Structures are given as structure tokens and as C-alpha cells.
C-alpha atoms as a PDB file:
ATOM      1  CA  MET A   1     -19.522 -18.089  -6.783  1.00  0.00           C
ATOM      2  CA  SER A   2     -18.691 -14.602  -8.076  1.00  0.00           C
ATOM      3  CA  LEU A   3     -19.676 -13.088  -4.717  1.00  0.00           C
ATOM      4  CA  PHE A   4     -17.475 -15.596  -2.905  1.00  0.00           C
ATOM      5  CA  LYS A   5     -14.534 -14.729  -5.159  1.00  0.00           C
ATOM      6  CA  ALA A   6     -15.196 -11.026  -4.574  1.00  0.00           C
ATOM      7  CA  ALA A   7     -15.160 -11.613  -0.811  1.00  0.00           C
ATOM      8  CA  LEU A   8     -11.854 -13.494  -1.019  1.00  0.00           C
ATOM      9  CA  LEU A   9     -10.238 -10.726  -3.047  1.00  0.00           C
ATOM     10  CA  GLY A  10     -11.640  -8.103  -0.679  1.00  0.00           C
ATOM     11  CA  VAL A  11     -10.031  -9.857   2.275  1.00  0.00           C
ATOM     12  CA  LEU A  12      -6.777 -10.201   0.328  1.00  0.00           C
ATOM     13  CA  GLN A  13      -6.799  -6.474  -0.483  1.00  0.00           C
ATOM     14  CA  GLY A  14      -7.441  -5.513   3.120  1.00  0.00           C
ATOM     15  CA  LEU A  15      -4.833  -7.816   4.623  1.00  0.00           C
ATOM     16  CA  THR A  16      -2.042  -6.878   2.231  1.00  0.00           C
ATOM     17  CA  GLU A  17      -2.587  -3.140   1.640  1.00  0.00           C
ATOM     18  CA  PHE A  18      -0.678  -1.956   4.703  1.00  0.00           C
ATOM     19  CA  LEU A  19       1.876  -4.767   4.921  1.00  0.00           C
ATOM     20  CA  PRO A  20       5.173  -4.459   2.977  1.00  0.00           C
ATOM     21  CA  ILE A  21       4.201  -7.241   0.564  1.00  0.00           C
ATOM     22  CA  SER A  22       2.254  -5.403  -2.221  1.00  0.00           C
ATOM     23  CA  SER A  23      -1.523  -5.592  -2.286  1.00  0.00           C
ATOM     24  CA  THR A  24      -1.618  -4.902  -6.039  1.00  0.00           C
ATOM     25  CA  ALA A  25       0.570  -7.914  -6.800  1.00  0.00           C
ATOM     26  CA  HIS A  26      -1.456 -10.125  -4.480  1.00  0.00           C
ATOM     27  CA  LEU A  27      -4.706  -9.052  -6.130  1.00  0.00           C
ATOM     28  CA  LEU A  28      -3.293  -9.791  -9.589  1.00  0.00           C
ATOM     29  CA  ILE A  29      -2.072 -13.199  -8.439  1.00  0.00           C
ATOM     30  CA  GLY A  30      -5.250 -13.969  -6.495  1.00  0.00           C
ATOM     31  CA  ALA A  31      -7.543 -13.041  -9.365  1.00  0.00           C
ATOM     32  CA  ARG A  32      -5.532 -15.273 -11.716  1.00  0.00           C
ATOM     33  CA  LEU A  33      -5.592 -18.231  -9.309  1.00  0.00           C
ATOM     34  CA  ILE A  34      -9.346 -18.154  -8.674  1.00  0.00           C
ATOM     35  CA  GLY A  35     -10.285 -17.205 -12.226  1.00  0.00           C
ATOM     36  CA  TYR A  36     -11.795 -13.834 -11.424  1.00  0.00           C
ATOM     37  CA  ASN A  37     -12.211 -11.563 -14.442  1.00  0.00           C
ATOM     38  CA  ASP A  38     -12.080  -7.824 -13.767  1.00  0.00           C
ATOM     39  CA  PRO A  39     -12.615  -5.985 -17.074  1.00  0.00           C
ATOM     40  CA  GLY A  40     -11.391  -2.421 -16.891  1.00  0.00           C
ATOM     41  CA  GLY A  41     -10.048  -3.057 -13.385  1.00  0.00           C
ATOM     42  CA  VAL A  42     -13.328  -1.695 -11.986  1.00  0.00           C
ATOM     43  CA  PHE A  43     -13.555  -4.124  -9.078  1.00  0.00           C
ATOM     44  CA  THR A  44      -9.948  -3.549  -8.020  1.00  0.00           C
ATOM     45  CA  VAL A  45     -10.436   0.221  -8.171  1.00  0.00           C
ATOM     46  CA  MET A  46     -13.589   0.219  -6.077  1.00  0.00           C
ATOM     47  CA  ILE A  47     -12.487  -2.111  -3.290  1.00  0.00           C
ATOM     48  CA  GLN A  48      -9.357  -0.016  -2.663  1.00  0.00           C
ATOM     49  CA  LEU A  49     -11.731   2.575  -1.266  1.00  0.00           C
ATOM     50  CA  GLY A  50     -12.560   0.111   1.522  1.00  0.00           C
ATOM     51  CA  SER A  51      -8.940   0.152   2.714  1.00  0.00           C
ATOM     52  CA  ILE A  52      -8.818   3.959   2.507  1.00  0.00           C
ATOM     53  CA  PHE A  53     -11.949   4.278   4.638  1.00  0.00           C
ATOM     54  CA  ALA A  54     -10.616   1.738   7.126  1.00  0.00           C
ATOM     55  CA  VAL A  55      -7.420   3.654   7.911  1.00  0.00           C
ATOM     56  CA  MET A  56      -9.369   6.917   8.016  1.00  0.00           C
ATOM     57  CA  TRP A  57     -11.761   5.344  10.510  1.00  0.00           C
ATOM     58  CA  LEU A  58      -8.930   4.077  12.705  1.00  0.00           C
ATOM     59  CA  TYR A  59      -7.319   7.528  12.768  1.00  0.00           C
ATOM     60  CA  ARG A  60     -10.578   9.487  12.800  1.00  0.00           C
ATOM     61  CA  GLU A  61      -9.857  11.225  16.099  1.00  0.00           C
ATOM     62  CA  LYS A  62      -6.498  12.461  14.841  1.00  0.00           C
ATOM     63  CA  LEU A  63      -7.942  13.605  11.525  1.00  0.00           C
ATOM     64  CA  ILE A  64     -10.788  15.482  13.221  1.00  0.00           C
ATOM     65  CA  ARG A  65      -8.386  17.096  15.682  1.00  0.00           C
ATOM     66  CA  VAL A  66      -6.033  18.212  12.919  1.00  0.00           C
ATOM     67  CA  ALA A  67      -8.883  19.520  10.771  1.00  0.00           C
ATOM     68  CA  THR A  68     -10.341  21.551  13.635  1.00  0.00           C
ATOM     69  CA  THR A  69      -7.053  22.940  15.007  1.00  0.00           C
ATOM     70  CA  LEU A  70      -5.147  24.106  11.927  1.00  0.00           C
ATOM     71  CA  ASN A  71      -4.042  27.176  13.871  1.00  0.00           C
ATOM     72  CA  ASP A  72      -2.019  24.849  16.106  1.00  0.00           C
ATOM     73  CA  PRO A  73       1.653  24.410  14.988  1.00  0.00           C
ATOM     74  CA  ASP A  74       1.542  20.635  15.458  1.00  0.00           C
ATOM     75  CA  SER A  75      -1.565  20.317  13.281  1.00  0.00           C
ATOM     76  CA  ARG A  76      -0.058  22.512  10.574  1.00  0.00           C
ATOM     77  CA  HIS A  77       3.145  20.459  10.655  1.00  0.00           C
ATOM     78  CA  PHE A  78       1.147  17.247  10.245  1.00  0.00           C
ATOM     79  CA  VAL A  79      -0.729  18.585   7.206  1.00  0.00           C
ATOM     80  CA  ILE A  80       2.423  19.974   5.550  1.00  0.00           C
ATOM     81  CA  MET A  81       4.412  16.822   6.347  1.00  0.00           C
ATOM     82  CA  VAL A  82       1.861  14.478   4.758  1.00  0.00           C
ATOM     83  CA  GLY A  83       1.213  16.843   1.851  1.00  0.00           C
ATOM     84  CA  VAL A  84       4.898  17.183   0.979  1.00  0.00           C
ATOM     85  CA  ALA A  85       5.416  13.413   1.214  1.00  0.00           C
ATOM     86  CA  THR A  86       2.506  12.814  -1.175  1.00  0.00           C
ATOM     87  CA  VAL A  87       3.858  15.005  -3.992  1.00  0.00           C
ATOM     88  CA  PRO A  88       6.502  12.598  -5.429  1.00  0.00           C
ATOM     89  CA  ALA A  89       3.970   9.782  -5.878  1.00  0.00           C
ATOM     90  CA  LEU A  90       1.477  12.112  -7.572  1.00  0.00           C
ATOM     91  CA  VAL A  91       4.103  13.357 -10.026  1.00  0.00           C
ATOM     92  CA  ALA A  92       5.485   9.877 -10.750  1.00  0.00           C
ATOM     93  CA  GLY A  93       1.987   8.456 -11.136  1.00  0.00           C
ATOM     94  CA  ALA A  94       0.975  11.166 -13.603  1.00  0.00           C
ATOM     95  CA  LEU A  95       4.077  10.540 -15.710  1.00  0.00           C
ATOM     96  CA  LEU A  96       4.422   6.765 -15.552  1.00  0.00           C
ATOM     97  CA  SER A  97       1.118   5.110 -14.609  1.00  0.00           C
ATOM     98  CA  LYS A  98      -0.026   4.378 -18.191  1.00  0.00           C
ATOM     99  CA  PHE A  99       3.264   2.729 -19.121  1.00  0.00           C
ATOM    100  CA  ILE A 100       3.414   0.706 -15.910  1.00  0.00           C
ATOM    101  CA  LYS A 101      -0.185  -0.510 -16.144  1.00  0.00           C
ATOM    102  CA  SER A 102       0.066  -1.399 -19.829  1.00  0.00           C
ATOM    103  CA  VAL A 103       3.485  -3.086 -19.656  1.00  0.00           C
ATOM    104  CA  LEU A 104       4.400  -4.210 -16.137  1.00  0.00           C
ATOM    105  CA  TYR A 105       1.006  -5.203 -14.694  1.00  0.00           C
ATOM    106  CA  GLY A 106       0.724  -8.082 -17.121  1.00  0.00           C
ATOM    107  CA  SER A 107       4.124  -9.552 -16.228  1.00  0.00           C
ATOM    108  CA  PHE A 108       4.195 -12.017 -13.357  1.00  0.00           C
ATOM    109  CA  LEU A 109       7.949 -12.320 -13.874  1.00  0.00           C
ATOM    110  CA  VAL A 110       8.292  -8.604 -13.029  1.00  0.00           C
ATOM    111  CA  ILE A 111       6.193  -9.156  -9.903  1.00  0.00           C
ATOM    112  CA  ALA A 112       8.295 -12.161  -8.862  1.00  0.00           C
ATOM    113  CA  CYS A 113      11.549 -10.263  -9.308  1.00  0.00           C
ATOM    114  CA  ALA A 114      10.146  -7.285  -7.405  1.00  0.00           C
ATOM    115  CA  PHE A 115       9.161  -9.605  -4.554  1.00  0.00           C
ATOM    116  CA  ILE A 116      12.666 -11.075  -4.324  1.00  0.00           C
ATOM    117  CA  ILE A 117      14.583  -7.813  -4.699  1.00  0.00           C
ATOM    118  CA  GLY A 118      12.280  -6.068  -2.239  1.00  0.00           C
ATOM    119  CA  GLY A 119      12.722  -8.855   0.285  1.00  0.00           C
ATOM    120  CA  ILE A 120      16.509  -8.670   0.019  1.00  0.00           C
ATOM    121  CA  VAL A 121      16.411  -4.886   0.429  1.00  0.00           C
ATOM    122  CA  ILE A 122      14.302  -5.217   3.574  1.00  0.00           C
ATOM    123  CA  LEU A 123      16.756  -7.733   5.077  1.00  0.00           C
ATOM    124  CA  VAL A 124      19.742  -5.508   4.279  1.00  0.00           C
ATOM    125  CA  VAL A 125      18.076  -2.413   5.733  1.00  0.00           C
ATOM    126  CA  GLU A 126      17.029  -4.301   8.859  1.00  0.00           C
ATOM    127  CA  ALA A 127      20.639  -5.409   9.377  1.00  0.00           C
ATOM    128  CA  THR A 128      22.355  -2.113   8.587  1.00  0.00           C
ATOM    129  CA  ARG A 129      19.822   0.623   9.342  1.00  0.00           C
ATOM    130  CA  PRO A 130      21.135   3.644  11.257  1.00  0.00           C
ATOM    131  CA  ARG A 131      20.097   4.196  14.851  1.00  0.00           C
ATOM    132  CA  PRO A 132      16.683   5.931  14.787  1.00  0.00           C
ATOM    133  CA  ASP A 133      16.321   9.423  16.164  1.00  0.00           C
ATOM    134  CA  ILE A 134      12.621   9.868  15.327  1.00  0.00           C
ATOM    135  CA  GLY A 135      10.182   7.763  17.338  1.00  0.00           C
ATOM    136  CA  ASP A 136       6.957   9.650  16.621  1.00  0.00           C
ATOM    137  CA  ALA A 137       5.385   9.515  13.158  1.00  0.00           C
ATOM    138  CA  GLU A 138       3.828  12.932  13.716  1.00  0.00           C
ATOM    139  CA  ARG A 139       7.238  14.553  14.295  1.00  0.00           C
ATOM    140  CA  VAL A 140       8.967  13.617  11.043  1.00  0.00           C
ATOM    141  CA  PRO A 141      10.843  16.675   9.678  1.00  0.00           C
ATOM    142  CA  ILE A 142       9.507  18.025   6.376  1.00  0.00           C
ATOM    143  CA  GLY A 143      12.701  17.234   4.451  1.00  0.00           C
ATOM    144  CA  ARG A 144      12.719  13.629   5.569  1.00  0.00           C
ATOM    145  CA  ALA A 145       8.992  13.343   4.850  1.00  0.00           C
ATOM    146  CA  PHE A 146       9.637  14.346   1.239  1.00  0.00           C
ATOM    147  CA  LEU A 147      12.366  11.708   0.893  1.00  0.00           C
ATOM    148  CA  VAL A 148      10.038   9.073   2.344  1.00  0.00           C
ATOM    149  CA  GLY A 149       7.567  10.118  -0.328  1.00  0.00           C
ATOM    150  CA  VAL A 150      10.253   9.552  -2.961  1.00  0.00           C
ATOM    151  CA  GLY A 151      10.635   6.015  -1.621  1.00  0.00           C
ATOM    152  CA  GLN A 152       6.909   5.498  -2.085  1.00  0.00           C
ATOM    153  CA  THR A 153       7.170   6.131  -5.840  1.00  0.00           C
ATOM    154  CA  PHE A 154       8.886   2.762  -6.367  1.00  0.00           C
ATOM    155  CA  ALA A 155       5.567   1.148  -5.473  1.00  0.00           C
ATOM    156  CA  LEU A 156       4.279   2.010  -8.936  1.00  0.00           C
ATOM    157  CA  VAL A 157       6.015  -1.205  -9.987  1.00  0.00           C
ATOM    158  CA  PRO A 158       3.733  -4.127  -9.033  1.00  0.00           C
ATOM    159  CA  GLY A 159       5.333  -6.252  -6.352  1.00  0.00           C
ATOM    160  CA  VAL A 160       7.348  -3.455  -4.739  1.00  0.00           C
ATOM    161  CA  SER A 161       4.658  -2.401  -2.208  1.00  0.00           C
ATOM    162  CA  ARG A 162       3.612   1.135  -1.356  1.00  0.00           C
ATOM    163  CA  SER A 163       3.949   0.573   2.366  1.00  0.00           C
ATOM    164  CA  GLY A 164       7.232  -1.290   1.833  1.00  0.00           C
ATOM    165  CA  GLY A 165       8.821   1.546  -0.123  1.00  0.00           C
ATOM    166  CA  THR A 166       7.631   4.054   2.460  1.00  0.00           C
ATOM    167  CA  ILE A 167       8.792   2.056   5.464  1.00  0.00           C
ATOM    168  CA  ILE A 168      12.239   1.225   4.071  1.00  0.00           C
ATOM    169  CA  ALA A 169      12.888   4.845   3.095  1.00  0.00           C
ATOM    170  CA  ALA A 170      11.778   5.975   6.553  1.00  0.00           C
ATOM    171  CA  MET A 171      14.053   3.497   8.334  1.00  0.00           C
ATOM    172  CA  LEU A 172      17.033   4.618   6.244  1.00  0.00           C
ATOM    173  CA  LEU A 173      16.206   8.173   7.332  1.00  0.00           C
ATOM    174  CA  LYS A 174      16.530   7.233  11.015  1.00  0.00           C
ATOM    175  CA  ILE A 175      12.825   6.820  11.728  1.00  0.00           C
ATOM    176  CA  ASP A 176      11.872   4.087  14.191  1.00  0.00           C
ATOM    177  CA  ARG A 177      10.243   0.916  12.816  1.00  0.00           C
ATOM    178  CA  ALA A 178       6.818   1.502  14.359  1.00  0.00           C
ATOM    179  CA  ALA A 179       6.900   5.216  13.492  1.00  0.00           C
ATOM    180  CA  ALA A 180       7.869   4.309   9.919  1.00  0.00           C
ATOM    181  CA  ALA A 181       4.902   1.952   9.659  1.00  0.00           C
ATOM    182  CA  GLU A 182       2.514   4.511  11.131  1.00  0.00           C
ATOM    183  CA  PHE A 183       3.831   7.209   8.805  1.00  0.00           C
ATOM    184  CA  SER A 184       3.045   4.874   5.902  1.00  0.00           C
ATOM    185  CA  PHE A 185      -0.569   4.754   7.160  1.00  0.00           C
ATOM    186  CA  PHE A 186      -0.763   8.558   7.231  1.00  0.00           C
ATOM    187  CA  LEU A 187       0.699   8.741   3.752  1.00  0.00           C
ATOM    188  CA  ALA A 188      -1.676   6.055   2.482  1.00  0.00           C
ATOM    189  CA  MET A 189      -4.731   8.257   2.957  1.00  0.00           C
ATOM    190  CA  PRO A 190      -4.005  11.022   0.410  1.00  0.00           C
ATOM    191  CA  THR A 191      -1.948   8.788  -1.893  1.00  0.00           C
ATOM    192  CA  MET A 192      -4.541   6.038  -2.159  1.00  0.00           C
ATOM    193  CA  ALA A 193      -7.375   8.559  -2.399  1.00  0.00           C
ATOM    194  CA  ALA A 194      -5.635  10.250  -5.335  1.00  0.00           C
ATOM    195  CA  ALA A 195      -4.917   6.907  -7.002  1.00  0.00           C
ATOM    196  CA  PHE A 196      -8.536   5.865  -6.485  1.00  0.00           C
ATOM    197  CA  ALA A 197      -9.847   9.121  -8.013  1.00  0.00           C
ATOM    198  CA  HIS A 198      -7.565   8.705 -11.030  1.00  0.00           C
ATOM    199  CA  ASP A 199      -8.420   5.045 -11.619  1.00  0.00           C
ATOM    200  CA  PHE A 200     -12.123   5.630 -10.966  1.00  0.00           C
ATOM    201  CA  TRP A 201     -12.206   8.348 -13.616  1.00  0.00           C
ATOM    202  CA  GLU A 202     -10.454   6.126 -16.148  1.00  0.00           C
ATOM    203  CA  ALA A 203     -12.813   3.218 -15.422  1.00  0.00           C
ATOM    204  CA  ARG A 204     -15.991   5.307 -15.194  1.00  0.00           C
ATOM    205  CA  HIS A 205     -17.384   4.032 -18.510  1.00  0.00           C
ATOM    206  CA  SER A 206     -17.062   0.440 -17.327  1.00  0.00           C
ATOM    207  CA  LEU A 207     -19.137   1.003 -14.210  1.00  0.00           C
ATOM    208  CA  GLY A 208     -22.577  -0.521 -14.137  1.00  0.00           C
ATOM    209  CA  GLY A 209     -25.137  -2.023 -11.826  1.00  0.00           C
ATOM    210  CA  ALA A 210     -24.561  -5.612 -12.926  1.00  0.00           C
ATOM    211  CA  ARG A 211     -21.448  -6.004 -10.778  1.00  0.00           C
ATOM    212  CA  GLY A 212     -22.711  -3.892  -7.898  1.00  0.00           C
ATOM    213  CA  GLY A 213     -23.057  -6.878  -5.579  1.00  0.00           C
ATOM    214  CA  GLU A 214     -19.489  -8.041  -6.157  1.00  0.00           C
ATOM    215  CA  ILE A 215     -18.121  -4.537  -5.602  1.00  0.00           C
ATOM    216  CA  ALA A 216     -20.163  -4.088  -2.426  1.00  0.00           C
ATOM    217  CA  VAL A 217     -18.967  -7.393  -0.972  1.00  0.00           C
ATOM    218  CA  GLY A 218     -15.339  -6.706  -1.895  1.00  0.00           C
ATOM    219  CA  PHE A 219     -15.523  -3.194  -0.464  1.00  0.00           C
ATOM    220  CA  VAL A 220     -16.939  -4.355   2.881  1.00  0.00           C
ATOM    221  CA  MET A 221     -14.437  -7.193   3.220  1.00  0.00           C
ATOM    222  CA  ALA A 222     -11.536  -4.879   2.344  1.00  0.00           C
ATOM    223  CA  PHE A 223     -12.719  -2.383   4.970  1.00  0.00           C
ATOM    224  CA  ILE A 224     -13.088  -4.998   7.713  1.00  0.00           C
ATOM    225  CA  SER A 225      -9.814  -6.818   7.034  1.00  0.00           C
ATOM    226  CA  SER A 226      -7.851  -3.545   6.739  1.00  0.00           C
ATOM    227  CA  ALA A 227      -9.326  -2.278   9.997  1.00  0.00           C
ATOM    228  CA  LEU A 228      -8.381  -5.511  11.752  1.00  0.00           C
ATOM    229  CA  ILE A 229      -4.794  -5.746  10.500  1.00  0.00           C
ATOM    230  CA  VAL A 230      -3.400  -2.246  11.157  1.00  0.00           C
ATOM    231  CA  ARG A 231      -3.043  -2.309  14.956  1.00  0.00           C
ATOM    232  CA  PRO A 232      -1.690  -5.885  15.207  1.00  0.00           C
ATOM    233  CA  PHE A 233       0.802  -5.054  12.447  1.00  0.00           C
ATOM    234  CA  LEU A 234       2.084  -2.029  14.375  1.00  0.00           C
ATOM    235  CA  ASN A 235       2.421  -4.057  17.571  1.00  0.00           C
ATOM    236  CA  TYR A 236       4.213  -6.862  15.739  1.00  0.00           C
ATOM    237  CA  VAL A 237       6.873  -4.736  14.058  1.00  0.00           C
ATOM    238  CA  ARG A 238       7.713  -2.988  17.339  1.00  0.00           C
ATOM    239  CA  THR A 239       9.167  -6.237  18.646  1.00  0.00           C
ATOM    240  CA  HIS A 240       9.846  -8.422  15.598  1.00  0.00           C
ATOM    241  CA  GLY A 241      10.763  -6.039  12.784  1.00  0.00           C
ATOM    242  CA  PHE A 242      10.125  -6.634   9.095  1.00  0.00           C
ATOM    243  CA  ALA A 243      12.373  -9.639   8.389  1.00  0.00           C
ATOM    244  CA  PRO A 244       9.487 -12.180   8.338  1.00  0.00           C
ATOM    245  CA  PHE A 245       7.776 -10.174   5.605  1.00  0.00           C
ATOM    246  CA  ALA A 246      11.056 -10.067   3.674  1.00  0.00           C
ATOM    247  CA  TRP A 247      11.404 -13.849   3.763  1.00  0.00           C
ATOM    248  CA  TYR A 248       7.763 -14.252   2.745  1.00  0.00           C
ATOM    249  CA  ARG A 249       8.422 -12.037  -0.287  1.00  0.00           C
ATOM    250  CA  ILE A 250      11.537 -13.975  -1.264  1.00  0.00           C
ATOM    251  CA  VAL A 251       9.896 -17.405  -0.942  1.00  0.00           C
ATOM    252  CA  LEU A 252       6.816 -16.279  -2.885  1.00  0.00           C
ATOM    253  CA  GLY A 253       8.947 -14.682  -5.593  1.00  0.00           C
ATOM    254  CA  VAL A 254      11.059 -17.829  -6.042  1.00  0.00           C
ATOM    255  CA  ALA A 255       7.914 -19.999  -6.121  1.00  0.00           C
ATOM    256  CA  MET A 256       6.453 -17.760  -8.833  1.00  0.00           C
ATOM    257  CA  ILE A 257       9.587 -18.010 -10.975  1.00  0.00           C
ATOM    258  CA  VAL A 258       9.576 -21.794 -10.625  1.00  0.00           C
ATOM    259  CA  ALA A 259       5.893 -21.895 -11.596  1.00  0.00           C
ATOM    260  CA  ILE A 260       6.459 -19.603 -14.597  1.00  0.00           C
ATOM    261  CA  TYR A 261       9.301 -21.652 -16.094  1.00  0.00           C
ATOM    262  CA  TRP A 262       8.100 -25.135 -15.142  1.00  0.00           C
ATOM    263  CA  ARG A 263       4.490 -24.879 -16.267  1.00  0.00           C
END
């Protein structure tokens, strides 16, 4: 049963990590619903690596090309662009992560409110966003990349969504929907890797062989489901936008509030 629960949570992590609906919040909710206990957050920390590897695998050709052609201006721009956009999240995480994890992660009311507010913000931005002038995620100017990174910092609050904060900030900065989503994938690699390294170090004393099977199953399922969702997600938002995800967030947030106060 524990392996089955680990598989379910691995799939949930993979499916929600790159959608603007908050994988962290879904893991917290999912673990509560199925009664999965994750002392020290070790399982959650380890299966995130599956999503990181998945997006790196999907963009492996680009990463290899950039790494082997750093003398090329386009490759240097890509590295600087992603690096600059990562800085705000690293700074905010270093300053606020302990407070957020100790106070906000235990509040499902905070998650519900973040779902609803985030959904409303997405709907407003979809309706009022400026006409995009950047259609290629690799051509985002450095200044705009930094501001997109600032938008990513809001994802420290569970329920906001890392990809959601990134995408909304990018759209407000005149970056096309699909390019905004793809930029969020690029930004996910260093940001999630840094978050994984930090959380892994904090949870290192809780690691042991007893839960190795659960972690392995969750990791594999997170990798597979992340790898399967990225391309269809990009194709979907090109033609449909992000409004369906906004309504999903709002409905789920309202349902959570009803459940909290009517239980």
C-alpha cells in the first residue's frame, strides 16, 4: 500500500510541477487525503528530482548545445538570461523559506486562498495582457528575464505555483503564452535543482534505506509523468491559453474552504 501511495504522489508531482496549479500544494493535499506520512519531507524532496531530470531530458539537445558552444553569443545569452532570472528566487528562498515552511505549509486555508487569488490573477492577465513582442523563449531580454524571476518568488507561498508566477510575470512583460511557458521550463532547471539541494541537505539526517522503495517508485513516476505532460501543455496553451487552469484553481480553492469550515 505504501508503494501504491508513493506512485500516486509521484504521478501527482509530475503532472502538476509544470502546470500553473502548484505541485507543492497538490502534494500536501494528496498526502493528507491518502494518509501518507512523510516525516522530514524526505519523500517530497527526493521525488522532485524526477521532475528536474525529466525537463532536462526533454531539453537535453539544447543544454548540450549551449554547454558546448559558450563562445556563441546566443548560448551566452541563454546562460546569462536563465542565471539572472534565477537570482530572485534564490535570495527570497534563503531569507524566507524557514518561515514559510514552518508557518504557511501547515495551513490549508492559505493554500485555498492562494488557489483562488492566483486563479483570478490569471483570468485578469489573460483578459488584459499587452500584445506580446517576444515569441521565442530563448530571446527574452536580460532585464525582462530578471523581472520574470521576481514573479517566480511568489511561488514560495504554497498554492501560488512556481510555473504560474513565472508565466504570469512573463505575459505581463509582453512575452507570448507559449514562450512564457517554455521560459518557465528553462527557469525550473536551476531553481528546482537549487531548492532540491537545499531541502536535501536539511533532510539528510532523515534519509535511510527503509523508505528507499517508496522514494524510487515516486521518483520514477514523477519523471515519467513530467516527461509526458510538458509537450502537450505547450501545445494546449498555444491555442487555449491559461483560463481553464485558472478556473480549476478557483473551484478547488472554494471547495477547500467549504471543506475546512463545514467539517
